[in-house]
Protein backbone atom coordinates (compact mmCIF):
# COMPACT_ATOMS: atom_id res chain seq x y z
CA MET A 1 0.00 0.00 0.00
CA LYS A 2 1.45 3.34 -1.06
CA ARG A 3 1.63 6.07 1.59
CA GLU A 4 1.62 9.74 0.63
CA VAL A 5 3.95 12.08 2.47
CA THR A 6 3.06 15.68 3.17
CA LEU A 7 6.07 17.62 4.39
CA THR A 8 4.93 20.28 6.84
CA TRP A 9 8.31 21.66 7.93
CA ARG A 10 7.93 25.41 8.11
CA PRO A 11 11.11 27.46 7.85
CA LEU A 12 11.53 30.79 9.59
CA ARG A 13 11.56 33.94 7.48
CA HIS A 14 15.35 33.96 7.26
CA GLN A 15 15.38 30.28 6.24
CA VAL A 16 13.20 30.50 3.12
CA ILE A 17 15.11 29.16 0.10
CA PRO A 18 14.30 31.15 -3.06
CA PRO A 19 12.61 29.24 -5.88
CA GLY A 20 14.06 28.91 -9.36
CA ASP A 21 16.82 27.04 -11.15
CA TRP A 22 19.69 28.18 -8.97
CA THR A 23 22.89 26.13 -8.72
CA THR A 24 24.23 27.50 -5.40
CA ALA A 25 22.27 28.73 -2.40
CA VAL A 26 24.03 30.33 0.57
CA LEU A 27 22.51 30.28 4.06
CA TYR A 28 24.81 32.10 6.47
CA GLY A 29 24.49 33.83 9.79
CA GLY A 30 25.33 33.47 13.47
CA ARG A 31 25.39 30.30 15.51
CA GLY A 32 22.00 28.76 16.24
CA VAL A 33 19.99 30.44 13.45
CA GLY A 34 18.90 27.00 12.20
CA LYS A 35 21.35 26.49 9.34
CA THR A 36 21.87 22.77 9.89
CA TRP A 37 18.16 22.18 10.58
CA ASN A 38 17.24 23.94 7.37
CA GLY A 39 19.96 22.27 5.30
CA CYS A 40 19.02 18.76 6.45
CA ARG A 41 15.32 19.52 5.93
CA TRP A 42 16.04 20.69 2.37
CA LEU A 43 18.19 17.67 1.53
CA LEU A 44 15.59 15.21 2.86
CA THR A 45 12.89 17.00 0.86
CA GLN A 46 14.96 16.62 -2.31
CA ALA A 47 15.66 12.94 -1.71
CA LEU A 48 11.97 12.20 -1.08
CA THR A 49 10.73 14.34 -3.98
CA TYR A 50 13.03 12.83 -6.60
CA PRO A 51 13.21 9.00 -6.57
CA ASN A 52 16.47 7.21 -7.39
CA THR A 53 18.67 10.27 -6.85
CA MET A 54 21.99 10.65 -5.05
CA TRP A 55 22.76 13.43 -2.56
CA LEU A 56 25.80 14.41 -0.51
CA ALA A 57 25.84 15.79 3.04
CA VAL A 58 29.33 17.05 3.83
CA GLY A 59 30.47 18.02 7.31
CA ARG A 60 33.74 19.67 8.23
CA THR A 61 34.99 16.34 9.65
CA TRP A 62 33.73 12.76 9.76
CA SER A 63 32.87 13.28 13.41
CA GLU A 64 30.74 16.35 12.64
CA ALA A 65 29.06 14.63 9.69
CA LEU A 66 27.91 11.87 12.07
CA ARG A 67 27.38 13.88 15.25
CA ILE A 68 25.67 16.91 13.67
CA LEU A 69 24.26 16.06 10.23
CA ALA A 70 23.24 12.45 10.81
CA GLU A 71 22.35 12.20 14.48
CA GLY A 72 22.33 15.71 15.95
CA ASP A 73 19.42 17.96 16.90
CA GLY A 74 17.99 19.14 13.61
CA GLY A 75 19.89 16.44 11.69
CA PHE A 76 18.47 13.68 9.52
CA ARG A 77 17.53 11.36 12.37
CA TRP A 78 15.79 14.20 14.22
CA HIS A 79 13.63 14.90 11.17
CA LEU A 80 12.78 11.26 10.41
CA VAL A 81 12.31 9.58 13.78
CA GLY A 82 9.09 10.66 15.43
CA ASP A 83 8.76 12.39 18.78
CA THR A 84 5.26 12.01 20.22
CA GLU A 85 6.09 14.27 23.17
CA ASN A 86 6.68 17.14 20.74
CA SER A 87 3.98 16.11 18.25
CA ARG A 88 6.54 15.26 15.58
CA PRO A 89 5.25 12.35 13.45
CA SER A 90 7.59 9.58 12.34
CA LEU A 91 8.72 9.47 8.72
CA GLU A 92 10.66 6.24 9.14
CA PHE A 93 8.34 4.49 6.69
CA THR A 94 10.15 6.47 3.95
CA LEU A 95 13.40 4.71 4.88
CA GLU A 96 14.72 1.43 3.52
CA GLY A 97 13.62 -1.30 5.93
CA GLY A 98 11.21 1.07 7.66
CA SER A 99 13.57 2.26 10.40
CA TRP A 100 16.60 4.45 10.97
CA GLU A 101 18.64 1.50 12.24
CA THR A 102 18.23 -0.46 8.99
CA ALA A 103 18.42 2.50 6.59
CA PHE A 104 21.50 4.24 7.99
CA LYS A 105 24.53 2.27 6.88
CA ARG A 106 27.81 2.99 8.61
CA THR A 107 31.04 1.35 7.52
CA PRO A 108 34.65 2.57 7.87
CA GLY A 109 35.06 5.61 5.65
CA GLN A 110 31.44 5.64 4.47
CA MET A 111 28.04 6.60 5.88
CA GLU A 112 24.85 6.47 3.84
CA LEU A 113 21.12 6.90 4.40
CA ARG A 114 18.82 4.91 2.07
CA PHE A 115 15.17 5.47 1.20
CA VAL A 116 12.45 3.14 -0.13
CA ASN A 117 12.12 5.30 -3.27
CA GLY A 118 15.71 4.43 -4.24
CA SER A 119 17.24 7.76 -3.24
CA ARG A 120 20.38 7.91 -1.10
CA ILE A 121 22.14 10.52 1.01
CA ARG A 122 25.86 9.85 1.35
CA LEU A 123 27.77 11.60 4.13
CA ALA A 124 31.32 12.82 3.59
CA SER A 125 34.07 14.82 5.29
CA ALA A 126 35.58 18.07 4.01
CA ASP A 127 38.88 17.38 5.76
CA GLN A 128 39.16 14.18 3.72
CA PRO A 129 38.64 15.45 0.15
CA LYS A 130 39.13 11.96 -1.30
CA SER A 131 35.84 10.97 0.39
CA LEU A 132 34.14 13.16 -2.24
CA ARG A 133 35.61 11.16 -5.10
CA GLY A 134 33.69 8.44 -6.88
CA THR A 135 30.27 10.01 -6.30
CA ASN A 136 28.11 11.64 -8.94
CA ALA A 137 25.42 13.55 -7.09
CA HIS A 138 22.30 15.52 -7.93
CA GLY A 139 22.90 17.95 -5.08
CA ALA A 140 24.60 18.50 -1.77
CA LEU A 141 24.54 20.19 1.62
CA ALA A 142 27.88 21.80 2.52
CA ASP A 143 27.80 22.38 6.28
CA GLU A 144 30.10 25.07 7.76
CA VAL A 145 31.76 25.43 4.37
CA ALA A 146 33.43 28.73 5.29
CA ILE A 147 35.75 26.72 7.57
CA TRP A 148 36.72 24.26 4.81
CA ASP A 149 39.76 24.41 2.57
CA GLU A 150 38.90 25.72 -0.88
CA GLU A 151 40.17 22.46 -2.42
CA SER A 152 37.44 20.48 -0.64
CA TYR A 153 34.73 22.84 -1.84
CA GLN A 154 35.95 22.63 -5.44
CA LYS A 155 36.02 18.82 -5.25
CA LEU A 156 32.42 18.89 -4.00
CA ARG A 157 31.40 21.05 -6.96
CA LEU A 158 32.96 18.53 -9.32
CA ALA A 159 30.99 15.71 -7.67
CA VAL A 160 27.63 17.53 -7.88
CA ARG A 161 26.89 17.33 -11.60
CA LEU A 162 23.74 15.27 -12.26
CA PRO A 163 20.65 17.26 -13.35
CA LEU A 164 17.37 16.25 -11.73
CA PRO A 165 14.71 14.44 -13.75
CA ALA A 166 12.56 17.58 -13.98
CA GLY A 167 15.43 19.44 -15.68
CA THR A 168 16.42 21.26 -12.49
CA PRO A 169 20.22 21.72 -12.41
CA ALA A 170 22.50 20.07 -9.89
CA ARG A 171 22.72 22.31 -6.85
CA VAL A 172 24.59 22.89 -3.60
CA LEU A 173 23.23 24.49 -0.43
CA CYS A 174 26.03 26.10 1.62
CA ALA A 175 25.07 26.52 5.28
CA THR A 176 27.70 28.28 7.38
CA THR A 177 28.81 30.96 9.79
CA PRO A 178 31.30 33.31 8.08
CA ASN A 179 34.99 32.88 8.77
CA GLY A 180 36.60 36.14 7.75
CA ARG A 181 37.55 37.28 4.28
CA ASN A 182 38.64 33.87 3.04
CA PHE A 183 37.82 31.96 -0.17
CA PHE A 184 34.15 31.65 0.82
CA TYR A 185 33.86 35.40 1.15
CA SER A 186 35.64 35.91 -2.16
CA LEU A 187 33.36 33.45 -3.99
CA PHE A 188 30.00 34.46 -2.56
CA LEU A 189 29.92 37.49 -0.26
CA ASP A 190 32.08 40.09 -2.00
CA VAL A 191 29.41 42.66 -2.91
CA GLU A 192 31.48 43.91 -5.84
CA LYS A 193 30.91 40.54 -7.57
CA LEU A 194 27.14 40.35 -6.96
CA PRO A 195 24.67 39.43 -8.23
CA GLN A 196 25.93 36.25 -9.88
CA PRO A 197 23.99 33.95 -12.23
CA GLY A 198 22.84 30.82 -10.44
CA LEU A 199 23.68 32.15 -6.95
CA VAL A 200 20.94 32.90 -4.41
CA PHE A 201 20.93 33.76 -0.72
CA VAL A 202 18.52 32.14 1.70
CA GLY A 203 16.47 34.95 3.21
CA GLY A 204 18.39 37.36 0.99
CA ALA A 205 17.50 40.76 -0.40
CA ASN A 206 16.40 41.60 -3.94
CA GLY A 207 14.58 38.30 -4.40
CA GLY A 208 17.50 36.36 -2.97
CA GLN A 209 20.10 37.80 -5.36
CA LEU A 210 21.92 39.69 -2.59
CA PRO A 211 22.93 38.66 0.96
CA PRO A 212 20.54 39.43 3.80
CA ALA A 213 21.36 42.74 5.45
CA PRO A 214 21.95 42.27 8.30
CA PRO A 215 22.50 38.49 8.27
CA PRO A 216 20.37 36.47 10.72
CA SER A 217 21.86 36.37 14.20
CA SER A 218 21.82 33.86 17.03
CA LEU A 219 19.03 35.93 18.59
CA ASP A 220 16.67 35.54 15.61
CA ASN A 221 15.72 31.91 16.20
CA PRO A 222 12.80 31.68 18.65
CA HIS A 223 13.36 27.93 19.06
CA THR A 224 16.72 28.26 20.81
CA ASP A 225 16.89 28.04 24.57
CA ASP A 226 16.84 31.35 26.48
CA ALA A 227 19.60 30.18 28.80
CA TRP A 228 21.81 29.26 25.80
CA ARG A 229 21.34 32.70 24.27
CA ALA A 230 22.03 34.43 27.59
CA SER A 231 25.22 32.40 28.01
CA LEU A 232 26.31 33.24 24.44
CA LEU A 233 25.81 36.95 25.04
CA ALA A 234 27.55 36.89 28.41
CA THR A 235 30.58 35.19 26.88
CA TYR A 236 30.97 36.93 23.51
CA GLU A 237 28.93 40.14 23.40
CA GLY A 238 31.13 43.12 22.55
CA THR A 239 33.99 41.03 21.12
CA ASP A 240 35.08 40.51 17.52
CA LEU A 241 34.38 36.80 17.91
CA GLY A 242 30.87 37.68 19.04
CA ARG A 243 30.32 39.86 15.98
CA GLN A 244 31.14 36.85 13.82
CA GLU A 245 29.66 33.98 15.81
CA ILE A 246 26.52 35.72 17.12
CA TYR A 247 25.71 38.27 14.43
CA GLY A 248 27.22 36.57 11.37
CA GLU A 249 29.43 39.50 10.37
CA VAL A 250 32.30 39.00 7.95
CA LEU A 251 35.43 40.19 9.72
CA THR A 252 39.12 40.24 9.04
CA PRO A 253 40.32 36.98 10.66
CA ALA A 254 41.53 37.22 14.25
CA GLY A 255 45.26 37.81 14.24
CA SER A 256 45.33 38.84 10.60
CA VAL A 257 48.95 39.45 9.57
CA PHE A 258 48.39 41.73 6.58
CA LYS A 259 45.79 44.17 7.85
CA GLU A 260 47.21 46.77 5.47
CA LEU A 261 46.11 44.69 2.46
CA SER A 262 43.47 46.59 0.51
CA VAL A 263 41.55 45.85 -2.67
CA VAL A 264 41.60 49.56 -3.47
CA ARG A 265 45.32 50.13 -2.88
CA HIS A 266 46.98 46.84 -3.69
CA THR A 267 45.31 45.13 -6.66
CA ARG A 268 45.65 45.51 -10.39
CA ALA A 269 41.94 46.13 -10.86
CA ARG A 270 42.06 49.19 -8.59
CA LEU A 271 45.34 50.85 -9.49
CA ASP A 272 45.18 53.79 -11.86
CA ARG A 273 47.83 52.25 -14.06
CA TRP A 274 49.58 48.89 -14.26
CA PRO A 275 53.04 48.94 -15.93
CA SER A 276 53.73 47.12 -19.17
CA SER A 277 56.27 44.31 -19.03
CA ALA A 278 58.84 46.51 -20.81
CA GLU A 279 58.76 49.03 -17.94
CA TYR A 280 60.00 46.64 -15.28
CA GLU A 281 63.57 47.31 -14.22
CA GLU A 282 64.22 43.99 -12.46
CA THR A 283 62.44 40.76 -11.61
CA ILE A 284 62.83 38.25 -8.79
CA ILE A 285 61.25 34.84 -8.28
CA GLY A 286 60.53 33.61 -4.76
CA LEU A 287 60.43 29.82 -4.47
CA ASP A 288 58.93 27.78 -1.61
CA LEU A 289 59.71 24.09 -2.02
CA GLY A 290 57.45 21.26 -0.95
CA ALA A 291 57.19 17.51 -1.31
CA GLU A 292 53.99 16.56 0.49
CA ASN A 293 52.87 20.20 0.34
CA PRO A 294 52.75 22.18 -2.91
CA THR A 295 55.74 24.01 -4.31
CA ALA A 296 54.99 27.69 -4.96
CA ALA A 297 56.79 30.22 -7.13
CA VAL A 298 55.88 33.90 -7.37
CA VAL A 299 57.31 36.58 -9.65
CA LEU A 300 58.05 40.11 -8.35
CA ALA A 301 58.76 42.81 -10.91
CA ARG A 302 59.87 46.35 -10.01
CA ALA A 303 58.90 49.54 -11.77
CA GLY A 304 60.31 52.58 -9.99
CA ASP A 305 59.94 52.03 -6.26
CA ARG A 306 56.88 49.74 -6.47
CA TRP A 307 57.05 45.96 -6.67
CA HIS A 308 54.33 44.07 -8.54
CA VAL A 309 53.43 40.41 -8.03
CA VAL A 310 52.79 39.52 -11.65
CA ALA A 311 52.66 35.71 -11.81
CA GLU A 312 52.49 32.57 -9.71
CA ALA A 313 52.83 28.82 -10.20
CA VAL A 314 51.64 26.35 -7.56
CA ALA A 315 51.73 22.56 -7.89
CA PRO A 316 52.89 19.39 -6.10
CA CYS A 317 56.54 18.86 -7.07
CA ALA A 318 58.23 15.82 -5.55
CA THR A 319 61.35 15.85 -7.74
CA PRO A 320 63.89 18.44 -8.93
CA GLU A 321 62.71 17.83 -12.49
CA ALA A 322 59.14 18.71 -11.53
CA VAL A 323 60.32 21.95 -9.89
CA ARG A 324 62.32 22.83 -13.01
CA ASP A 325 59.24 22.24 -15.18
CA LEU A 326 57.17 24.44 -12.85
CA LEU A 327 59.72 27.27 -13.06
CA SER A 328 60.50 27.08 -16.78
CA PRO A 329 57.52 29.11 -18.11
CA LEU A 330 58.09 31.83 -15.50
CA VAL A 331 61.82 32.01 -16.20
CA GLU A 332 61.26 32.13 -19.95
CA GLN A 333 58.71 34.93 -19.75
CA TRP A 334 60.18 37.09 -16.96
CA GLN A 335 63.94 36.45 -17.14
CA PRO A 336 64.57 36.89 -13.39
CA HIS A 337 68.01 38.01 -12.33
CA VAL A 338 67.73 35.80 -9.23
CA ILE A 339 65.51 33.05 -7.78
CA ILE A 340 65.39 33.19 -3.99
CA SER A 341 64.80 29.59 -2.95
CA ASP A 342 63.76 27.79 0.19
CA THR A 343 66.72 25.78 1.55
CA ASN A 344 64.79 22.82 2.99
CA TYR A 345 65.57 20.64 -0.05
CA PRO A 346 69.29 21.13 -0.83
CA GLN A 347 69.39 18.37 -3.45
CA THR A 348 66.69 20.16 -5.41
CA THR A 349 68.39 23.56 -5.27
CA ALA A 350 71.73 21.97 -6.19
CA ALA A 351 70.14 20.39 -9.25
CA LEU A 352 68.51 23.69 -10.25
CA ARG A 353 71.91 25.40 -10.07
CA ARG A 354 73.47 22.69 -12.24
CA TRP A 355 70.78 23.37 -14.82
CA GLY A 356 71.81 27.02 -14.96
CA LEU A 357 69.03 28.63 -12.92
CA PRO A 358 70.14 31.68 -10.84
CA ILE A 359 69.35 30.14 -7.44
CA GLN A 360 70.17 32.05 -4.26
CA ASP A 361 69.42 30.67 -0.80
CA ALA A 362 66.67 32.38 1.15
CA ASP A 363 67.43 33.89 4.53
CA LYS A 364 66.52 31.15 7.04
CA ARG A 365 68.30 32.39 10.15
CA ALA A 366 66.46 32.64 13.49
CA GLY A 367 63.88 35.40 13.31
CA SER A 368 63.86 35.49 9.50
CA VAL A 369 60.18 34.55 9.26
CA VAL A 370 58.98 37.54 11.25
CA ASP A 371 61.57 39.80 9.59
CA GLY A 372 60.29 38.76 6.16
CA ILE A 373 56.69 39.36 7.22
CA ARG A 374 57.65 42.83 8.47
CA ALA A 375 59.28 43.58 5.12
CA VAL A 376 56.06 42.66 3.27
CA GLN A 377 53.98 44.69 5.75
CA SER A 378 56.24 47.69 5.19
CA LEU A 379 55.82 47.55 1.41
CA LEU A 380 52.04 47.26 1.76
CA ALA A 381 51.84 50.14 4.23
CA GLY A 382 53.86 52.34 1.88
CA ASP A 383 51.81 51.37 -1.21
CA ARG A 384 54.95 49.84 -2.68
CA LEU A 385 53.54 46.35 -3.32
CA ALA A 386 50.74 45.54 -5.75
CA ILE A 387 49.27 42.17 -6.73
CA ASP A 388 47.71 41.06 -9.98
CA GLU A 389 44.89 39.22 -8.24
CA ASN A 390 43.70 37.58 -11.47
CA ALA A 391 47.13 36.19 -12.33
CA CYS A 392 47.83 35.27 -8.67
CA PRO A 393 44.54 34.05 -7.16
CA THR A 394 46.22 31.63 -4.74
CA MET A 395 48.47 34.35 -3.35
CA TRP A 396 45.61 36.81 -2.95
CA ARG A 397 43.58 34.24 -1.02
CA GLU A 398 46.51 33.21 1.16
CA LEU A 399 47.48 36.80 1.97
CA LEU A 400 43.92 37.58 3.08
CA GLY A 401 43.80 34.51 5.32
CA TYR A 402 47.36 34.61 6.70
CA ARG A 403 47.17 34.85 10.49
CA TRP A 404 49.22 35.04 13.63
CA ALA A 405 48.58 32.24 16.11
CA VAL A 406 46.23 33.67 18.74
CA GLY A 407 45.38 32.82 22.32
CA SER A 408 41.96 32.27 23.90
CA ASP A 409 41.53 36.05 24.08
CA GLY A 410 41.86 36.37 20.30
CA GLN A 411 45.15 38.27 20.59
CA PRO A 412 48.40 37.17 18.86
CA LEU A 413 50.70 35.08 21.01
CA VAL A 414 54.03 36.48 22.18
CA PRO A 415 56.44 35.96 20.53
CA GLU A 416 54.46 36.20 17.32
CA ARG A 417 54.38 33.25 14.98
CA PRO A 418 52.24 32.70 11.89
CA VAL A 419 49.84 29.77 11.54
CA LYS A 420 51.42 27.21 9.21
CA LYS A 421 48.47 26.69 6.89
CA ASP A 422 47.81 27.83 3.31
CA ASP A 423 51.05 29.79 3.30
CA HIS A 424 53.12 28.48 0.38
CA THR A 425 52.85 31.52 -1.90
CA VAL A 426 53.19 33.80 1.14
CA ASP A 427 56.47 32.12 2.06
CA ALA A 428 57.69 32.49 -1.53
CA LEU A 429 56.77 36.18 -1.45
CA ARG A 430 58.50 36.61 1.89
CA TYR A 431 61.75 35.12 0.57
CA ALA A 432 61.75 37.42 -2.45
CA VAL A 433 60.81 40.60 -0.57
CA ALA A 434 63.39 39.98 2.16
CA SER A 435 66.06 39.64 -0.51
CA THR A 436 65.27 43.12 -1.88
CA SER A 437 66.20 44.65 1.47
CA ARG A 438 69.53 42.82 1.37
């Protein structure tokens, strides 16, 4: 006997997903606004509406995918398993085998929820990008995506590529609290790039084409506990962390190293004039070597007293030959008088010298990291460093997200030290800039 399902979940005003053939929807705001509840509700609705479809639910980690998306309050189990005390009917009859226990399959490295209509929701982890491989999906929920690495988000986009039977395009719902001016901000929240085709904002302005202003805050959800909200305010109200976590504001990350960095002052798109290649008086390549991590090369060219970052190359390079191949196009085009190289791989630099490249060892003495950072800060503060953000997208992203390690109070630790994450082009830049002062 066939049973009809009427879904009566009613989102709050700031949770209403715009209609239409969008490909990306962004739901962002403070903690506790109902992002996960709404994302899981939407994904379940899709799986039940379209038989024999595949969906992805991606948490920041495997633990969060299980603890929050699968079994947490507002997660899939919460929506499907009834609660008579709160007048929430059971929808377990929609699941394979008629119960959560039979429908939710959990094996090492894989979690999946199966429905009687043939649809499936596969859970995955953003900190394990390979878990997104091998799946062709009709849509996905990306939970707390602003905290992911950009690589994981791009791998998710590649996996979500199957159009729905009704002709609706494959789509991703991003549910997150902002995390500073990182890749997520650059892709979706930079007002200078909006509106974008296929991008909508849940509860957004202008029919969903623009972000909500202001974004929903932790205080806008009437279903959260009063004591929880009071505790949140008592702990974070009046702090930068509170502005982000409670009110969903996009801030410069805590401990940001390059606070001087400005779209208006330091990018090609905003400068009155960008020199032609013939006007550069000298060029330098900074080279950060990696084996497990990527190798990064950046080209600095000087016109007058201003240095311009004009090119970058970033790729895994496990051998000297691979590094040579990475450098060759840059060397051919820019003819650097010197390549300031990381010294962590002496066999590689020795091979590059044998092949005739003008390799010079980077300054790696004690204190050189902070000294190099100060040199970059000085150039930025004096408007003497400009970046071609289109030619160097990795560097632009890494500069914006480069941070000092901070303590529980949000202040940089003493002595200062940068967080070793997403810093390969920044290190290459630091080597090159430090060499100009020598």
